[in-house]
Amino acid sequence: MNTATPDTLANKLAEAALTVLVRTCRREVADAHPDELEAACAAMRAQARPVLDRLLDDARVAPWIAEAAFHAAALELAQAGIAVLRRG
């Protein structure tokens, strides 16, 4: 994993998390009011920094699990958004 470009990594992580969110909550996303979608995104953004920091730490300590750590981070971010959509 190339940790020299954290902005690119963060963008890829956000894309992966949004993909999980949309695929998991297809109906909720389709039926959601824009404010509900924004709330889901806000919940994901609130978790982004600690999740990204954990991902980078995991990748530094054990580079061989970098891909698994990336997927776990995407799932963790998506879960924050899913919780908001399913609560509303």
N, C-alpha and C. Protein backbone atom coordinates (compact mmCIF):
# COMPACT_ATOMS: atom_id res chain seq x y z
N MET A 1 0.85 -1.17 0.00
CA MET A 1 0.00 0.00 0.00
C MET A 1 0.89 1.23 0.00
N ASN A 2 0.59 2.16 -0.86
CA ASN A 2 1.34 3.40 -0.95
C ASN A 2 0.71 4.42 -0.02
N THR A 3 1.37 4.67 1.12
CA THR A 3 0.83 5.63 2.08
C THR A 3 1.35 7.03 1.83
N ALA A 4 2.09 7.23 0.76
CA ALA A 4 2.63 8.55 0.44
C ALA A 4 1.56 9.47 -0.12
N THR A 5 0.46 8.94 -0.53
CA THR A 5 -0.61 9.76 -1.11
C THR A 5 -1.89 9.57 -0.31
N PRO A 6 -1.95 10.16 0.89
CA PRO A 6 -3.14 9.94 1.73
C PRO A 6 -4.43 10.49 1.14
N ASP A 7 -4.36 11.56 0.34
CA ASP A 7 -5.59 12.07 -0.28
C ASP A 7 -6.17 11.06 -1.25
N THR A 8 -5.32 10.44 -2.04
CA THR A 8 -5.79 9.42 -2.98
C THR A 8 -6.35 8.23 -2.22
N LEU A 9 -5.67 7.82 -1.17
CA LEU A 9 -6.15 6.71 -0.35
C LEU A 9 -7.49 7.05 0.27
N ALA A 10 -7.62 8.25 0.80
CA ALA A 10 -8.88 8.67 1.42
C ALA A 10 -10.01 8.69 0.40
N ASN A 11 -9.73 9.14 -0.81
CA ASN A 11 -10.76 9.16 -1.86
C ASN A 11 -11.18 7.74 -2.24
N LYS A 12 -10.22 6.85 -2.37
CA LYS A 12 -10.54 5.46 -2.70
C LYS A 12 -11.34 4.81 -1.57
N LEU A 13 -10.97 5.12 -0.34
CA LEU A 13 -11.69 4.58 0.81
C LEU A 13 -13.12 5.10 0.84
N ALA A 14 -13.29 6.38 0.58
CA ALA A 14 -14.64 6.97 0.55
C ALA A 14 -15.47 6.33 -0.55
N GLU A 15 -14.87 6.14 -1.71
CA GLU A 15 -15.58 5.51 -2.83
C GLU A 15 -16.01 4.08 -2.48
N ALA A 16 -15.11 3.34 -1.86
CA ALA A 16 -15.43 1.96 -1.47
C ALA A 16 -16.54 1.94 -0.42
N ALA A 17 -16.46 2.84 0.55
CA ALA A 17 -17.48 2.89 1.60
C ALA A 17 -18.84 3.27 1.04
N LEU A 18 -18.87 4.24 0.13
CA LEU A 18 -20.14 4.63 -0.49
C LEU A 18 -20.71 3.49 -1.33
N THR A 19 -19.85 2.76 -2.00
CA THR A 19 -20.31 1.61 -2.79
C THR A 19 -20.97 0.57 -1.89
N VAL A 20 -20.34 0.28 -0.76
CA VAL A 20 -20.93 -0.67 0.19
C VAL A 20 -22.27 -0.14 0.70
N LEU A 21 -22.30 1.13 1.05
CA LEU A 21 -23.53 1.75 1.55
C LEU A 21 -24.67 1.61 0.55
N VAL A 22 -24.41 1.98 -0.69
CA VAL A 22 -25.46 1.95 -1.72
C VAL A 22 -25.88 0.52 -2.03
N ARG A 23 -24.94 -0.40 -2.11
CA ARG A 23 -25.30 -1.79 -2.40
C ARG A 23 -26.05 -2.45 -1.25
N THR A 24 -25.73 -2.06 -0.04
CA THR A 24 -26.38 -2.63 1.13
C THR A 24 -27.75 -2.03 1.38
N CYS A 25 -27.89 -0.75 1.11
CA CYS A 25 -29.13 -0.02 1.42
C CYS A 25 -29.75 0.56 0.15
N ARG A 26 -29.83 -0.25 -0.88
CA ARG A 26 -30.35 0.23 -2.16
C ARG A 26 -31.71 0.91 -2.00
N ARG A 27 -32.62 0.26 -1.34
CA ARG A 27 -33.98 0.80 -1.19
C ARG A 27 -33.98 2.05 -0.31
N GLU A 28 -33.25 1.99 0.81
CA GLU A 28 -33.19 3.14 1.71
C GLU A 28 -32.61 4.36 1.01
N VAL A 29 -31.57 4.15 0.21
CA VAL A 29 -30.95 5.26 -0.52
C VAL A 29 -31.93 5.82 -1.55
N ALA A 30 -32.62 4.94 -2.25
CA ALA A 30 -33.57 5.40 -3.28
C ALA A 30 -34.72 6.19 -2.67
N ASP A 31 -35.16 5.78 -1.48
CA ASP A 31 -36.32 6.43 -0.84
C ASP A 31 -35.94 7.59 0.07
N ALA A 32 -34.67 7.79 0.32
CA ALA A 32 -34.23 8.79 1.30
C ALA A 32 -34.39 10.22 0.79
N HIS A 33 -34.71 11.09 1.71
CA HIS A 33 -34.73 12.53 1.47
C HIS A 33 -33.27 13.00 1.40
N PRO A 34 -32.97 14.02 0.63
CA PRO A 34 -31.58 14.50 0.56
C PRO A 34 -30.96 14.79 1.94
N ASP A 35 -31.76 15.26 2.88
CA ASP A 35 -31.23 15.51 4.23
C ASP A 35 -30.80 14.22 4.91
N GLU A 36 -31.53 13.13 4.66
CA GLU A 36 -31.16 11.83 5.23
C GLU A 36 -29.86 11.32 4.61
N LEU A 37 -29.71 11.52 3.31
CA LEU A 37 -28.47 11.11 2.65
C LEU A 37 -27.30 11.93 3.17
N GLU A 38 -27.52 13.21 3.37
CA GLU A 38 -26.47 14.07 3.92
C GLU A 38 -26.10 13.63 5.33
N ALA A 39 -27.10 13.25 6.12
CA ALA A 39 -26.83 12.78 7.49
C ALA A 39 -26.00 11.50 7.46
N ALA A 40 -26.29 10.61 6.53
CA ALA A 40 -25.51 9.38 6.40
C ALA A 40 -24.07 9.70 6.02
N CYS A 41 -23.91 10.62 5.08
CA CYS A 41 -22.55 11.02 4.67
C CYS A 41 -21.82 11.71 5.82
N ALA A 42 -22.54 12.53 6.58
CA ALA A 42 -21.92 13.22 7.72
C ALA A 42 -21.44 12.21 8.77
N ALA A 43 -22.22 11.17 8.99
CA ALA A 43 -21.81 10.13 9.94
C ALA A 43 -20.54 9.43 9.45
N MET A 44 -20.47 9.20 8.16
CA MET A 44 -19.29 8.56 7.59
C MET A 44 -18.08 9.50 7.69
N ARG A 45 -18.29 10.78 7.40
CA ARG A 45 -17.19 11.75 7.51
C ARG A 45 -16.69 11.85 8.94
N ALA A 46 -17.60 11.78 9.90
CA ALA A 46 -17.20 11.88 11.31
C ALA A 46 -16.27 10.74 11.72
N GLN A 47 -16.43 9.60 11.09
CA GLN A 47 -15.60 8.43 11.40
C GLN A 47 -14.34 8.35 10.54
N ALA A 48 -14.25 9.18 9.51
CA ALA A 48 -13.19 9.03 8.51
C ALA A 48 -11.78 9.15 9.09
N ARG A 49 -11.53 10.17 9.90
CA ARG A 49 -10.18 10.38 10.40
C ARG A 49 -9.68 9.21 11.25
N PRO A 50 -10.43 8.79 12.28
CA PRO A 50 -9.91 7.67 13.07
C PRO A 50 -9.81 6.37 12.27
N VAL A 51 -10.73 6.15 11.36
CA VAL A 51 -10.69 4.93 10.54
C VAL A 51 -9.47 4.96 9.63
N LEU A 52 -9.22 6.10 8.99
CA LEU A 52 -8.06 6.22 8.10
C LEU A 52 -6.76 6.10 8.90
N ASP A 53 -6.71 6.69 10.08
CA ASP A 53 -5.51 6.57 10.91
C ASP A 53 -5.24 5.11 11.28
N ARG A 54 -6.30 4.37 11.64
CA ARG A 54 -6.15 2.94 11.96
C ARG A 54 -5.67 2.16 10.74
N LEU A 55 -6.23 2.47 9.58
CA LEU A 55 -5.82 1.80 8.35
C LEU A 55 -4.34 2.03 8.09
N LEU A 56 -3.89 3.27 8.19
CA LEU A 56 -2.48 3.57 7.95
C LEU A 56 -1.58 2.90 8.99
N ASP A 57 -1.99 2.91 10.24
CA ASP A 57 -1.21 2.24 11.28
C ASP A 57 -1.11 0.75 11.01
N ASP A 58 -2.23 0.13 10.67
CA ASP A 58 -2.22 -1.31 10.37
C ASP A 58 -1.32 -1.62 9.19
N ALA A 59 -1.38 -0.79 8.16
CA ALA A 59 -0.58 -1.02 6.96
C ALA A 59 0.91 -0.84 7.24
N ARG A 60 1.25 0.07 8.13
CA ARG A 60 2.66 0.26 8.48
C ARG A 60 3.19 -0.92 9.31
N VAL A 61 2.39 -1.36 10.26
CA VAL A 61 2.82 -2.43 11.16
C VAL A 61 2.85 -3.78 10.44
N ALA A 62 1.87 -4.03 9.61
CA ALA A 62 1.75 -5.33 8.92
C ALA A 62 1.35 -5.10 7.47
N PRO A 63 2.30 -4.75 6.61
CA PRO A 63 1.97 -4.42 5.22
C PRO A 63 1.25 -5.53 4.47
N TRP A 64 1.45 -6.77 4.89
CA TRP A 64 0.81 -7.89 4.20
C TRP A 64 -0.70 -7.94 4.42
N ILE A 65 -1.22 -7.19 5.38
CA ILE A 65 -2.68 -7.16 5.58
C ILE A 65 -3.30 -5.84 5.11
N ALA A 66 -2.54 -5.07 4.35
CA ALA A 66 -3.02 -3.74 3.93
C ALA A 66 -4.34 -3.81 3.18
N GLU A 67 -4.48 -4.76 2.29
CA GLU A 67 -5.73 -4.86 1.52
C GLU A 67 -6.90 -5.22 2.43
N ALA A 68 -6.70 -6.16 3.32
CA ALA A 68 -7.76 -6.52 4.26
C ALA A 68 -8.10 -5.35 5.18
N ALA A 69 -7.09 -4.61 5.60
CA ALA A 69 -7.32 -3.44 6.45
C ALA A 69 -8.11 -2.38 5.70
N PHE A 70 -7.83 -2.22 4.41
CA PHE A 70 -8.57 -1.26 3.59
C PHE A 70 -10.05 -1.65 3.52
N HIS A 71 -10.32 -2.91 3.27
CA HIS A 71 -11.71 -3.37 3.18
C HIS A 71 -12.42 -3.25 4.52
N ALA A 72 -11.72 -3.55 5.59
CA ALA A 72 -12.32 -3.40 6.92
C ALA A 72 -12.65 -1.93 7.20
N ALA A 73 -11.77 -1.04 6.78
CA ALA A 73 -12.01 0.39 6.97
C ALA A 73 -13.22 0.85 6.16
N ALA A 74 -13.32 0.38 4.93
CA ALA A 74 -14.47 0.74 4.09
C ALA A 74 -15.77 0.24 4.71
N LEU A 75 -15.75 -0.96 5.24
CA LEU A 75 -16.94 -1.51 5.89
C LEU A 75 -17.30 -0.72 7.15
N GLU A 76 -16.29 -0.31 7.90
CA GLU A 76 -16.55 0.47 9.12
C GLU A 76 -17.19 1.82 8.78
N LEU A 77 -16.67 2.48 7.76
CA LEU A 77 -17.27 3.76 7.34
C LEU A 77 -18.69 3.55 6.83
N ALA A 78 -18.87 2.53 6.01
CA ALA A 78 -20.20 2.26 5.47
C ALA A 78 -21.19 1.98 6.58
N GLN A 79 -20.77 1.26 7.61
CA GLN A 79 -21.65 0.94 8.72
C GLN A 79 -22.18 2.19 9.40
N ALA A 80 -21.35 3.22 9.50
CA ALA A 80 -21.80 4.47 10.11
C ALA A 80 -22.95 5.08 9.30
N GLY A 81 -22.83 5.06 7.98
CA GLY A 81 -23.89 5.58 7.12
C GLY A 81 -25.12 4.70 7.12
N ILE A 82 -24.91 3.40 7.11
CA ILE A 82 -26.03 2.44 7.12
C ILE A 82 -26.86 2.62 8.38
N ALA A 83 -26.20 2.79 9.51
CA ALA A 83 -26.91 2.96 10.78
C ALA A 83 -27.83 4.18 10.73
N VAL A 84 -27.36 5.25 10.12
CA VAL A 84 -28.19 6.46 10.02
C VAL A 84 -29.37 6.22 9.09
N LEU A 85 -29.14 5.61 7.94
CA LEU A 85 -30.23 5.38 6.99
C LEU A 85 -31.28 4.43 7.55
N ARG A 86 -30.86 3.42 8.25
CA ARG A 86 -31.81 2.44 8.77
C ARG A 86 -32.52 2.93 10.03
N ARG A 87 -31.95 3.89 10.68
CA ARG A 87 -32.58 4.47 11.86
C ARG A 87 -33.71 5.41 11.45
N GLY A 88 -33.50 6.10 10.31
CA GLY A 88 -34.50 7.09 9.85
C GLY A 88 -35.61 6.45 9.18
